[in-house]
Amino acid sequence: MGGIIITLLGIAMLFFFIFIEKNFFLATFVLLLLIVILGSFFPISWYLTKSIDSDKDSKQV
């Protein structure tokens, strides 16, 4: 849940600073992309952990 919120916040900030404010600096763009990428790691790791756990359960039966 936290990763989704971080990702959505990063996308909203990216939209605000790049498209609405017309404030395109490379450092701002890289920082906002980093927030989106790091926020995406949380749901991805949760999904991978869930799939690995379900594989272990199915192999034990």
N, C-alpha and C. Protein backbone atom coordinates (compact mmCIF):
# COMPACT_ATOMS: atom_id res chain seq x y z
N MET A 1 0.83 -1.20 0.00
CA MET A 1 0.00 0.00 0.00
C MET A 1 0.87 1.26 0.00
N GLY A 2 1.93 1.25 0.80
CA GLY A 2 2.80 2.42 0.88
C GLY A 2 3.52 2.70 -0.44
N GLY A 3 3.91 1.63 -1.12
CA GLY A 3 4.60 1.79 -2.40
C GLY A 3 3.70 2.40 -3.46
N ILE A 4 2.44 2.04 -3.43
CA ILE A 4 1.49 2.60 -4.38
C ILE A 4 1.30 4.10 -4.11
N ILE A 5 1.24 4.46 -2.83
CA ILE A 5 1.09 5.87 -2.48
C ILE A 5 2.33 6.67 -2.90
N ILE A 6 3.51 6.12 -2.65
CA ILE A 6 4.75 6.80 -3.04
C ILE A 6 4.81 6.96 -4.56
N THR A 7 4.44 5.91 -5.29
CA THR A 7 4.46 5.98 -6.75
C THR A 7 3.47 7.02 -7.27
N LEU A 8 2.26 7.02 -6.73
CA LEU A 8 1.26 8.01 -7.16
C LEU A 8 1.69 9.43 -6.81
N LEU A 9 2.31 9.60 -5.65
CA LEU A 9 2.81 10.92 -5.26
C LEU A 9 3.91 11.37 -6.22
N GLY A 10 4.81 10.47 -6.59
CA GLY A 10 5.87 10.80 -7.53
C GLY A 10 5.32 11.17 -8.90
N ILE A 11 4.31 10.43 -9.36
CA ILE A 11 3.69 10.74 -10.66
C ILE A 11 2.97 12.08 -10.60
N ALA A 12 2.30 12.36 -9.49
CA ALA A 12 1.61 13.65 -9.34
C ALA A 12 2.61 14.80 -9.32
N MET A 13 3.72 14.63 -8.61
CA MET A 13 4.74 15.67 -8.58
C MET A 13 5.37 15.84 -9.96
N LEU A 14 5.59 14.73 -10.66
CA LEU A 14 6.14 14.81 -12.01
C LEU A 14 5.21 15.59 -12.92
N PHE A 15 3.92 15.28 -12.85
CA PHE A 15 2.93 16.00 -13.65
C PHE A 15 2.91 17.48 -13.30
N PHE A 16 2.94 17.79 -12.01
CA PHE A 16 2.87 19.18 -11.58
C PHE A 16 4.09 19.97 -12.02
N PHE A 17 5.28 19.46 -11.73
CA PHE A 17 6.49 20.24 -12.01
C PHE A 17 6.84 20.30 -13.49
N ILE A 18 6.54 19.26 -14.24
CA ILE A 18 6.95 19.23 -15.64
C ILE A 18 5.88 19.85 -16.54
N PHE A 19 4.63 19.48 -16.35
CA PHE A 19 3.60 19.90 -17.30
C PHE A 19 2.86 21.16 -16.89
N ILE A 20 2.58 21.35 -15.62
CA ILE A 20 1.80 22.51 -15.20
C ILE A 20 2.69 23.72 -14.99
N GLU A 21 3.80 23.54 -14.26
CA GLU A 21 4.67 24.67 -13.95
C GLU A 21 5.65 25.00 -15.07
N LYS A 22 5.79 24.11 -16.02
CA LYS A 22 6.75 24.27 -17.12
C LYS A 22 8.16 24.51 -16.57
N ASN A 23 8.47 23.81 -15.47
CA ASN A 23 9.73 23.97 -14.77
C ASN A 23 10.58 22.73 -15.03
N PHE A 24 11.07 22.59 -16.26
CA PHE A 24 11.78 21.39 -16.64
C PHE A 24 13.27 21.57 -16.42
N PHE A 25 13.74 21.03 -15.32
CA PHE A 25 15.17 20.92 -15.06
C PHE A 25 15.51 19.44 -15.03
N LEU A 26 16.65 19.08 -15.54
CA LEU A 26 17.03 17.68 -15.59
C LEU A 26 17.12 17.08 -14.19
N ALA A 27 17.64 17.84 -13.23
CA ALA A 27 17.76 17.34 -11.87
C ALA A 27 16.37 17.05 -11.26
N THR A 28 15.42 17.94 -11.52
CA THR A 28 14.06 17.73 -11.02
C THR A 28 13.44 16.49 -11.65
N PHE A 29 13.63 16.34 -12.94
CA PHE A 29 13.08 15.19 -13.65
C PHE A 29 13.69 13.89 -13.15
N VAL A 30 14.98 13.85 -12.96
CA VAL A 30 15.66 12.64 -12.48
C VAL A 30 15.22 12.31 -11.05
N LEU A 31 15.12 13.32 -10.20
CA LEU A 31 14.70 13.09 -8.82
C LEU A 31 13.27 12.55 -8.76
N LEU A 32 12.38 13.10 -9.56
CA LEU A 32 11.00 12.63 -9.55
C LEU A 32 10.88 11.22 -10.15
N LEU A 33 11.67 10.93 -11.18
CA LEU A 33 11.67 9.57 -11.71
C LEU A 33 12.21 8.58 -10.70
N LEU A 34 13.20 9.00 -9.93
CA LEU A 34 13.76 8.15 -8.88
C LEU A 34 12.72 7.82 -7.82
N ILE A 35 11.90 8.81 -7.47
CA ILE A 35 10.81 8.58 -6.51
C ILE A 35 9.83 7.55 -7.07
N VAL A 36 9.47 7.68 -8.34
CA VAL A 36 8.52 6.75 -8.95
C VAL A 36 9.12 5.34 -9.01
N ILE A 37 10.38 5.23 -9.39
CA ILE A 37 11.02 3.92 -9.51
C ILE A 37 11.17 3.26 -8.15
N LEU A 38 11.64 4.00 -7.15
CA LEU A 38 11.80 3.43 -5.82
C LEU A 38 10.44 3.08 -5.19
N GLY A 39 9.43 3.89 -5.47
CA GLY A 39 8.09 3.57 -4.97
C GLY A 39 7.53 2.32 -5.63
N SER A 40 7.94 2.05 -6.86
CA SER A 40 7.47 0.85 -7.57
C SER A 40 8.11 -0.42 -7.03
N PHE A 41 9.27 -0.29 -6.39
CA PHE A 41 9.94 -1.47 -5.84
C PHE A 41 9.12 -2.14 -4.74
N PHE A 42 8.37 -1.37 -3.95
CA PHE A 42 7.59 -1.94 -2.86
C PHE A 42 6.50 -2.89 -3.35
N PRO A 43 5.62 -2.48 -4.28
CA PRO A 43 4.62 -3.43 -4.77
C PRO A 43 5.24 -4.60 -5.54
N ILE A 44 6.33 -4.35 -6.25
CA ILE A 44 6.98 -5.44 -6.98
C ILE A 44 7.54 -6.47 -6.01
N SER A 45 8.21 -6.01 -4.95
CA SER A 45 8.76 -6.95 -3.98
C SER A 45 7.66 -7.69 -3.24
N TRP A 46 6.54 -7.01 -2.96
CA TRP A 46 5.42 -7.68 -2.31
C TRP A 46 4.87 -8.78 -3.21
N TYR A 47 4.73 -8.47 -4.50
CA TYR A 47 4.21 -9.45 -5.44
C TYR A 47 5.16 -10.65 -5.57
N LEU A 48 6.45 -10.39 -5.65
CA LEU A 48 7.41 -11.49 -5.77
C LEU A 48 7.44 -12.34 -4.51
N THR A 49 7.37 -11.72 -3.34
CA THR A 49 7.33 -12.47 -2.09
C THR A 49 6.07 -13.32 -2.02
N LYS A 50 4.96 -12.77 -2.44
CA LYS A 50 3.69 -13.50 -2.42
C LYS A 50 3.75 -14.69 -3.39
N SER A 51 4.32 -14.49 -4.57
CA SER A 51 4.38 -15.59 -5.54
C SER A 51 5.36 -16.67 -5.10
N ILE A 52 6.46 -16.29 -4.46
CA ILE A 52 7.42 -17.28 -3.97
C ILE A 52 6.80 -18.09 -2.83
N ASP A 53 6.07 -17.43 -1.93
CA ASP A 53 5.42 -18.13 -0.83
C ASP A 53 4.35 -19.09 -1.34
N SER A 54 3.60 -18.68 -2.38
CA SER A 54 2.57 -19.56 -2.91
C SER A 54 3.20 -20.76 -3.63
N ASP A 55 4.36 -20.56 -4.25
CA ASP A 55 5.07 -21.68 -4.88
C ASP A 55 5.56 -22.67 -3.83
N LYS A 56 6.05 -22.18 -2.70
CA LYS A 56 6.51 -23.07 -1.64
C LYS A 56 5.35 -23.88 -1.07
N ASP A 57 4.18 -23.23 -0.89
CA ASP A 57 3.02 -23.93 -0.37
C ASP A 57 2.53 -25.00 -1.32
N SER A 58 2.55 -24.75 -2.61
CA SER A 58 2.05 -25.72 -3.57
C SER A 58 3.01 -26.91 -3.71
N LYS A 59 4.29 -26.70 -3.49
CA LYS A 59 5.26 -27.79 -3.60
C LYS A 59 5.28 -28.68 -2.37
N GLN A 60 4.84 -28.17 -1.21
CA GLN A 60 4.84 -28.95 0.00
C GLN A 60 3.70 -29.96 0.04
N VAL A 61 2.67 -29.73 -0.72
CA VAL A 61 1.50 -30.62 -0.70
C VAL A 61 1.76 -31.88 -1.45
